[in-house]
Amino acid sequence: MISLHTEIIGSTMVLDIHGMTVQQAKKEILSILKNCPKNVKQIDVIHGYNSGKALQQYVRSIKHFKVDRSIIGLNEGKTILILK
């Protein structure tokens, strides 16, 4: 079983989903979005990219009413979700 690592720093939640399947990541991310504290304004999702692009592609395609937009930075292993 892969354990989920989360950390809240100010208004940013850092979520590490390395090693998860897309199905596991989807379940965890939807749960976090549902229960996210109101002070959290962005979620930095660390998904990696060396072991394949499935997690990266999933995270970057998330459509959820709490997600305003995704930011794809220079680090291919991270996607930032900006919350509404």
N, C-alpha and C. Protein backbone atom coordinates (compact mmCIF):
# COMPACT_ATOMS: atom_id res chain seq x y z
N MET A 1 0.84 -1.18 0.00
CA MET A 1 0.00 0.00 0.00
C MET A 1 0.89 1.25 0.00
N ILE A 2 0.63 2.14 -0.92
CA ILE A 2 1.36 3.40 -1.02
C ILE A 2 0.76 4.38 -0.02
N SER A 3 1.59 5.05 0.77
CA SER A 3 1.06 6.03 1.71
C SER A 3 1.12 7.42 1.07
N LEU A 4 0.11 8.17 1.32
CA LEU A 4 -0.02 9.51 0.79
C LEU A 4 0.70 10.47 1.73
N HIS A 5 1.50 11.36 1.16
CA HIS A 5 2.19 12.37 1.96
C HIS A 5 1.60 13.74 1.64
N THR A 6 1.07 14.41 2.65
CA THR A 6 0.58 15.78 2.48
C THR A 6 1.20 16.67 3.55
N GLU A 7 1.31 17.92 3.19
CA GLU A 7 1.87 18.91 4.11
C GLU A 7 1.24 20.25 3.75
N ILE A 8 0.84 21.02 4.76
CA ILE A 8 0.29 22.35 4.51
C ILE A 8 1.30 23.39 4.98
N ILE A 9 1.67 24.28 4.05
CA ILE A 9 2.61 25.36 4.35
C ILE A 9 1.89 26.65 3.98
N GLY A 10 1.47 27.40 4.97
CA GLY A 10 0.71 28.63 4.70
C GLY A 10 -0.60 28.28 4.02
N SER A 11 -0.80 28.81 2.80
CA SER A 11 -2.03 28.56 2.06
C SER A 11 -1.82 27.51 0.96
N THR A 12 -0.70 26.79 1.03
CA THR A 12 -0.36 25.79 0.02
C THR A 12 -0.31 24.40 0.64
N MET A 13 -1.00 23.47 0.00
CA MET A 13 -0.90 22.07 0.39
C MET A 13 0.03 21.38 -0.60
N VAL A 14 0.98 20.61 -0.09
CA VAL A 14 1.88 19.84 -0.93
C VAL A 14 1.42 18.39 -0.84
N LEU A 15 1.17 17.79 -1.99
CA LEU A 15 0.66 16.44 -2.07
C LEU A 15 1.59 15.60 -2.94
N ASP A 16 2.16 14.56 -2.36
CA ASP A 16 3.09 13.69 -3.08
C ASP A 16 2.38 12.38 -3.42
N ILE A 17 2.18 12.12 -4.72
CA ILE A 17 1.48 10.91 -5.15
C ILE A 17 2.40 9.95 -5.91
N HIS A 18 3.71 10.11 -5.73
CA HIS A 18 4.68 9.19 -6.35
C HIS A 18 4.29 7.75 -6.05
N GLY A 19 4.40 6.89 -7.04
CA GLY A 19 4.20 5.46 -6.84
C GLY A 19 2.76 5.00 -6.85
N MET A 20 1.82 5.92 -6.93
CA MET A 20 0.41 5.53 -6.97
C MET A 20 -0.01 5.20 -8.40
N THR A 21 -1.08 4.43 -8.50
CA THR A 21 -1.71 4.25 -9.80
C THR A 21 -2.59 5.46 -10.04
N VAL A 22 -3.04 5.65 -11.26
CA VAL A 22 -3.94 6.77 -11.56
C VAL A 22 -5.22 6.62 -10.74
N GLN A 23 -5.73 5.41 -10.61
CA GLN A 23 -6.97 5.19 -9.85
C GLN A 23 -6.78 5.56 -8.38
N GLN A 24 -5.65 5.17 -7.78
CA GLN A 24 -5.37 5.53 -6.39
C GLN A 24 -5.25 7.04 -6.24
N ALA A 25 -4.52 7.67 -7.16
CA ALA A 25 -4.33 9.12 -7.10
C ALA A 25 -5.65 9.85 -7.26
N LYS A 26 -6.49 9.39 -8.18
CA LYS A 26 -7.79 10.03 -8.39
C LYS A 26 -8.62 9.99 -7.10
N LYS A 27 -8.67 8.84 -6.46
CA LYS A 27 -9.43 8.70 -5.22
C LYS A 27 -8.91 9.66 -4.15
N GLU A 28 -7.58 9.71 -3.98
CA GLU A 28 -6.99 10.56 -2.96
C GLU A 28 -7.18 12.05 -3.26
N ILE A 29 -6.96 12.44 -4.51
CA ILE A 29 -7.09 13.86 -4.87
C ILE A 29 -8.53 14.32 -4.72
N LEU A 30 -9.49 13.52 -5.15
CA LEU A 30 -10.90 13.90 -5.00
C LEU A 30 -11.28 14.01 -3.53
N SER A 31 -10.76 13.13 -2.69
CA SER A 31 -11.01 13.20 -1.25
C SER A 31 -10.41 14.47 -0.65
N ILE A 32 -9.19 14.80 -1.07
CA ILE A 32 -8.54 16.01 -0.57
C ILE A 32 -9.30 17.26 -1.02
N LEU A 33 -9.72 17.29 -2.27
CA LEU A 33 -10.48 18.45 -2.75
C LEU A 33 -11.79 18.60 -1.97
N LYS A 34 -12.42 17.50 -1.65
CA LYS A 34 -13.69 17.53 -0.91
C LYS A 34 -13.48 18.05 0.51
N ASN A 35 -12.37 17.67 1.15
CA ASN A 35 -12.14 17.97 2.57
C ASN A 35 -11.07 19.02 2.82
N CYS A 36 -10.65 19.71 1.78
CA CYS A 36 -9.57 20.68 1.88
C CYS A 36 -9.96 21.86 2.79
N PRO A 37 -9.08 22.23 3.72
CA PRO A 37 -9.37 23.40 4.56
C PRO A 37 -9.55 24.66 3.70
N LYS A 38 -10.42 25.55 4.15
CA LYS A 38 -10.74 26.75 3.37
C LYS A 38 -9.56 27.69 3.17
N ASN A 39 -8.57 27.62 4.08
CA ASN A 39 -7.42 28.52 3.93
C ASN A 39 -6.44 28.05 2.85
N VAL A 40 -6.60 26.84 2.34
CA VAL A 40 -5.71 26.34 1.29
C VAL A 40 -6.16 26.90 -0.05
N LYS A 41 -5.26 27.60 -0.72
CA LYS A 41 -5.56 28.25 -2.00
C LYS A 41 -4.91 27.56 -3.19
N GLN A 42 -3.92 26.70 -2.91
CA GLN A 42 -3.30 25.96 -4.00
C GLN A 42 -2.79 24.63 -3.48
N ILE A 43 -2.75 23.66 -4.38
CA ILE A 43 -2.22 22.34 -4.07
C ILE A 43 -1.09 22.06 -5.05
N ASP A 44 0.11 21.87 -4.51
CA ASP A 44 1.27 21.49 -5.33
C ASP A 44 1.29 19.96 -5.38
N VAL A 45 0.96 19.39 -6.53
CA VAL A 45 0.90 17.94 -6.67
C VAL A 45 2.23 17.45 -7.24
N ILE A 46 2.94 16.65 -6.47
CA ILE A 46 4.21 16.07 -6.90
C ILE A 46 3.87 14.68 -7.45
N HIS A 47 3.95 14.54 -8.77
CA HIS A 47 3.56 13.29 -9.40
C HIS A 47 4.73 12.58 -10.07
N GLY A 48 5.85 13.26 -10.24
CA GLY A 48 6.99 12.68 -10.91
C GLY A 48 6.75 12.57 -12.41
N TYR A 49 7.78 12.14 -13.12
CA TYR A 49 7.63 11.94 -14.57
C TYR A 49 8.61 10.90 -15.10
N ASN A 50 9.55 10.47 -14.30
CA ASN A 50 10.53 9.49 -14.78
C ASN A 50 9.96 8.10 -14.97
N SER A 51 8.90 7.77 -14.24
CA SER A 51 8.33 6.42 -14.31
C SER A 51 7.10 6.36 -15.22
N GLY A 52 6.98 7.30 -16.10
CA GLY A 52 5.82 7.34 -16.99
C GLY A 52 5.04 8.62 -16.80
N LYS A 53 4.16 8.89 -17.73
CA LYS A 53 3.43 10.16 -17.73
C LYS A 53 1.97 10.03 -17.30
N ALA A 54 1.51 8.85 -16.90
CA ALA A 54 0.09 8.65 -16.60
C ALA A 54 -0.39 9.56 -15.47
N LEU A 55 0.35 9.63 -14.36
CA LEU A 55 -0.05 10.50 -13.25
C LEU A 55 -0.01 11.96 -13.66
N GLN A 56 1.04 12.35 -14.35
CA GLN A 56 1.17 13.72 -14.82
C GLN A 56 -0.03 14.10 -15.69
N GLN A 57 -0.36 13.25 -16.64
CA GLN A 57 -1.47 13.54 -17.55
C GLN A 57 -2.80 13.61 -16.79
N TYR A 58 -3.00 12.70 -15.83
CA TYR A 58 -4.23 12.75 -15.05
C TYR A 58 -4.35 14.07 -14.28
N VAL A 59 -3.29 14.40 -13.52
CA VAL A 59 -3.34 15.60 -12.68
C VAL A 59 -3.58 16.84 -13.54
N ARG A 60 -2.92 16.91 -14.68
CA ARG A 60 -3.04 18.09 -15.54
C ARG A 60 -4.38 18.16 -16.27
N SER A 61 -5.17 17.10 -16.21
CA SER A 61 -6.48 17.11 -16.86
C SER A 61 -7.64 17.17 -15.87
N ILE A 62 -7.34 17.36 -14.58
CA ILE A 62 -8.40 17.37 -13.56
C ILE A 62 -9.39 18.50 -13.84
N LYS A 63 -10.65 18.13 -13.85
CA LYS A 63 -11.76 19.09 -13.93
C LYS A 63 -12.58 18.90 -12.67
N HIS A 64 -12.59 19.90 -11.81
CA HIS A 64 -13.32 19.83 -10.54
C HIS A 64 -13.79 21.24 -10.21
N PHE A 65 -14.97 21.33 -9.62
CA PHE A 65 -15.54 22.66 -9.36
C PHE A 65 -14.70 23.50 -8.39
N LYS A 66 -13.85 22.89 -7.59
CA LYS A 66 -12.99 23.65 -6.67
C LYS A 66 -11.67 24.08 -7.32
N VAL A 67 -11.34 23.53 -8.48
CA VAL A 67 -10.08 23.85 -9.16
C VAL A 67 -10.33 24.94 -10.20
N ASP A 68 -9.68 26.08 -10.01
CA ASP A 68 -9.80 27.20 -10.94
C ASP A 68 -8.95 26.95 -12.18
N ARG A 69 -7.70 26.53 -11.97
CA ARG A 69 -6.80 26.27 -13.10
C ARG A 69 -5.60 25.47 -12.63
N SER A 70 -4.89 24.91 -13.60
CA SER A 70 -3.64 24.19 -13.34
C SER A 70 -2.49 25.01 -13.88
N ILE A 71 -1.38 24.99 -13.16
CA ILE A 71 -0.18 25.66 -13.63
C ILE A 71 0.89 24.60 -13.84
N ILE A 72 1.41 24.59 -15.05
CA ILE A 72 2.48 23.67 -15.40
C ILE A 72 3.77 24.48 -15.42
N GLY A 73 4.64 24.19 -14.47
CA GLY A 73 5.88 24.95 -14.37
C GLY A 73 7.02 24.29 -15.11
N LEU A 74 8.20 24.72 -14.80
CA LEU A 74 9.40 24.16 -15.42
C LEU A 74 9.73 22.77 -14.91
N ASN A 75 9.27 22.43 -13.71
CA ASN A 75 9.50 21.11 -13.14
C ASN A 75 8.43 20.17 -13.69
N GLU A 76 8.82 19.23 -14.55
CA GLU A 76 7.86 18.32 -15.18
C GLU A 76 7.20 17.37 -14.18
N GLY A 77 7.77 17.24 -13.01
CA GLY A 77 7.23 16.33 -12.00
C GLY A 77 6.25 16.96 -11.04
N LYS A 78 5.85 18.20 -11.31
CA LYS A 78 4.95 18.92 -10.40
C LYS A 78 3.93 19.71 -11.19
N THR A 79 2.68 19.68 -10.70
CA THR A 79 1.61 20.50 -11.25
C THR A 79 0.97 21.25 -10.08
N ILE A 80 0.69 22.53 -10.27
CA ILE A 80 0.07 23.34 -9.23
C ILE A 80 -1.41 23.51 -9.59
N LEU A 81 -2.27 23.15 -8.64
CA LEU A 81 -3.70 23.35 -8.80
C LEU A 81 -4.09 24.59 -8.01
N ILE A 82 -4.61 25.59 -8.68
CA ILE A 82 -5.09 26.82 -8.03
C ILE A 82 -6.56 26.62 -7.73
N LEU A 83 -6.92 26.79 -6.46
CA LEU A 83 -8.30 26.57 -6.04
C LEU A 83 -9.12 27.85 -6.10
N LYS A 84 -10.41 27.69 -6.23
CA LYS A 84 -11.34 28.83 -6.27
C LYS A 84 -11.59 29.34 -4.88
